[in-house]
Amino acid sequence: MPVMLLGDIFDSMTLDRSEQLFTFVENNVVMWKKDLFFSVCKNNLLRMCNDLLRRLFRSQQTVFSERILLFLAKFFLSLSGLVLILLVSSIWKIMQNLAVKNQKEMI
């Protein structure tokens, strides 16, 4: 599995080299989210990122930590309260537009 290999590579590299390799992981977030990979690899990707964050906790590389956290946010999209509010708001606007359109068609 490519993600397990990536995890082993990250474990054996310095943090500076890991940061360079993490660019590959970030750039391919769309690929990791495909059904073929996501269902099988999500736990391994989470473990890999947690291991990196654990190593970064002792260092001063806050930018790399933020990149990992942003990647996790993109990879594991959750419907938080804010996202749900925006989603409901969008659906409400669409429904209002359809209602107005239907009323105009009836007239």
Protein backbone atom coordinates (compact mmCIF):
# COMPACT_ATOMS: atom_id res chain seq x y z
CA MET A 1 0.00 0.00 0.00
CA PRO A 2 1.53 3.35 -1.00
CA VAL A 3 0.37 5.13 2.16
CA MET A 4 2.09 2.61 4.42
CA LEU A 5 5.26 3.10 2.41
CA LEU A 6 4.92 6.87 2.75
CA GLY A 7 4.50 6.49 6.51
CA ASP A 8 7.69 4.43 6.75
CA ILE A 9 9.56 6.95 4.61
CA PHE A 10 8.40 9.84 6.81
CA ASP A 11 9.52 7.92 9.91
CA SER A 12 13.02 7.50 8.53
CA MET A 13 13.52 11.05 7.23
CA THR A 14 14.49 14.26 8.96
CA LEU A 15 11.75 16.82 9.47
CA ASP A 16 13.19 19.08 6.78
CA ARG A 17 13.11 16.30 4.20
CA SER A 18 9.68 15.18 5.43
CA GLU A 19 8.36 18.67 4.82
CA GLN A 20 9.54 18.51 1.21
CA LEU A 21 7.94 15.09 0.69
CA PHE A 22 4.71 16.20 2.33
CA THR A 23 4.18 18.53 -0.64
CA PHE A 24 3.53 15.38 -2.71
CA VAL A 25 0.89 14.23 -0.22
CA GLU A 26 -0.76 17.68 -0.19
CA ASN A 27 -0.82 18.01 -3.95
CA ASN A 28 -2.54 14.64 -4.35
CA VAL A 29 -5.32 15.16 -1.80
CA VAL A 30 -7.89 14.68 -4.59
CA MET A 31 -6.43 11.26 -5.38
CA TRP A 32 -6.42 10.20 -1.72
CA LYS A 33 -10.11 11.13 -1.44
CA LYS A 34 -11.19 8.83 -4.28
CA ASP A 35 -13.25 5.86 -3.11
CA LEU A 36 -10.53 3.43 -4.16
CA PHE A 37 -8.01 5.00 -1.76
CA PHE A 38 -10.14 6.69 0.89
CA SER A 39 -11.83 3.61 2.31
CA VAL A 40 -8.57 1.68 2.53
CA CYS A 41 -6.03 4.41 3.29
CA LYS A 42 -7.79 6.90 5.55
CA ASN A 43 -6.58 5.34 8.80
CA ASN A 44 -3.01 5.04 7.54
CA LEU A 45 -2.98 8.66 6.35
CA LEU A 46 -4.33 9.80 9.70
CA ARG A 47 -1.69 7.77 11.55
CA MET A 48 1.06 9.14 9.30
CA CYS A 49 -0.04 12.73 9.93
CA ASN A 50 -0.37 12.14 13.67
CA ASP A 51 3.14 10.69 13.80
CA LEU A 52 4.48 13.73 11.97
CA LEU A 53 2.61 16.09 14.29
CA ARG A 54 3.98 14.23 17.31
CA ARG A 55 7.52 14.71 16.02
CA LEU A 56 6.85 18.36 15.18
CA PHE A 57 5.53 19.03 18.69
CA ARG A 58 9.12 19.11 19.96
CA SER A 59 10.39 21.32 17.16
CA GLN A 60 9.85 24.92 16.18
CA GLN A 61 8.37 24.18 12.73
CA THR A 62 4.88 25.54 13.24
CA VAL A 63 4.29 26.18 9.53
CA PHE A 64 4.74 22.50 8.72
CA SER A 65 2.34 21.59 11.55
CA GLU A 66 -0.24 23.97 10.10
CA ARG A 67 0.18 22.43 6.65
CA ILE A 68 -0.51 18.98 8.09
CA LEU A 69 -3.58 20.22 9.94
CA LEU A 70 -4.90 21.91 6.79
CA PHE A 71 -4.34 18.71 4.83
CA LEU A 72 -6.31 16.76 7.43
CA ALA A 73 -9.12 19.32 7.25
CA LYS A 74 -9.26 18.96 3.45
CA PHE A 75 -9.00 15.18 3.59
CA PHE A 76 -11.51 14.55 6.37
CA LEU A 77 -14.21 17.06 5.49
CA SER A 78 -16.77 17.09 8.24
CA LEU A 79 -20.10 18.79 8.33
CA SER A 80 -19.41 21.11 11.22
CA GLY A 81 -22.08 23.49 12.44
CA LEU A 82 -20.85 26.31 10.23
CA VAL A 83 -20.81 24.17 7.10
CA LEU A 84 -24.30 22.90 7.86
CA ILE A 85 -25.59 26.44 8.32
CA LEU A 86 -24.10 27.48 4.98
CA LEU A 87 -25.50 24.38 3.30
CA VAL A 88 -28.99 24.95 4.68
CA SER A 89 -28.77 28.63 3.72
CA SER A 90 -27.84 27.70 0.14
CA ILE A 91 -30.64 25.15 -0.11
CA TRP A 92 -33.10 27.71 1.28
CA LYS A 93 -32.10 30.26 -1.37
CA ILE A 94 -32.49 27.67 -4.12
CA MET A 95 -35.94 26.71 -2.84
CA GLN A 96 -37.00 30.36 -2.70
CA ASN A 97 -35.82 30.90 -6.29
CA LEU A 98 -37.76 27.83 -7.43
CA ALA A 99 -40.89 29.04 -5.63
CA VAL A 100 -40.63 32.46 -7.29
CA LYS A 101 -40.08 30.81 -10.67
CA ASN A 102 -43.12 28.55 -10.18
CA GLN A 103 -45.29 31.52 -9.21
CA LYS A 104 -44.23 33.40 -12.34
CA GLU A 105 -45.06 30.37 -14.49
CA MET A 106 -48.54 30.16 -12.96
CA ILE A 107 -49.27 33.79 -13.80
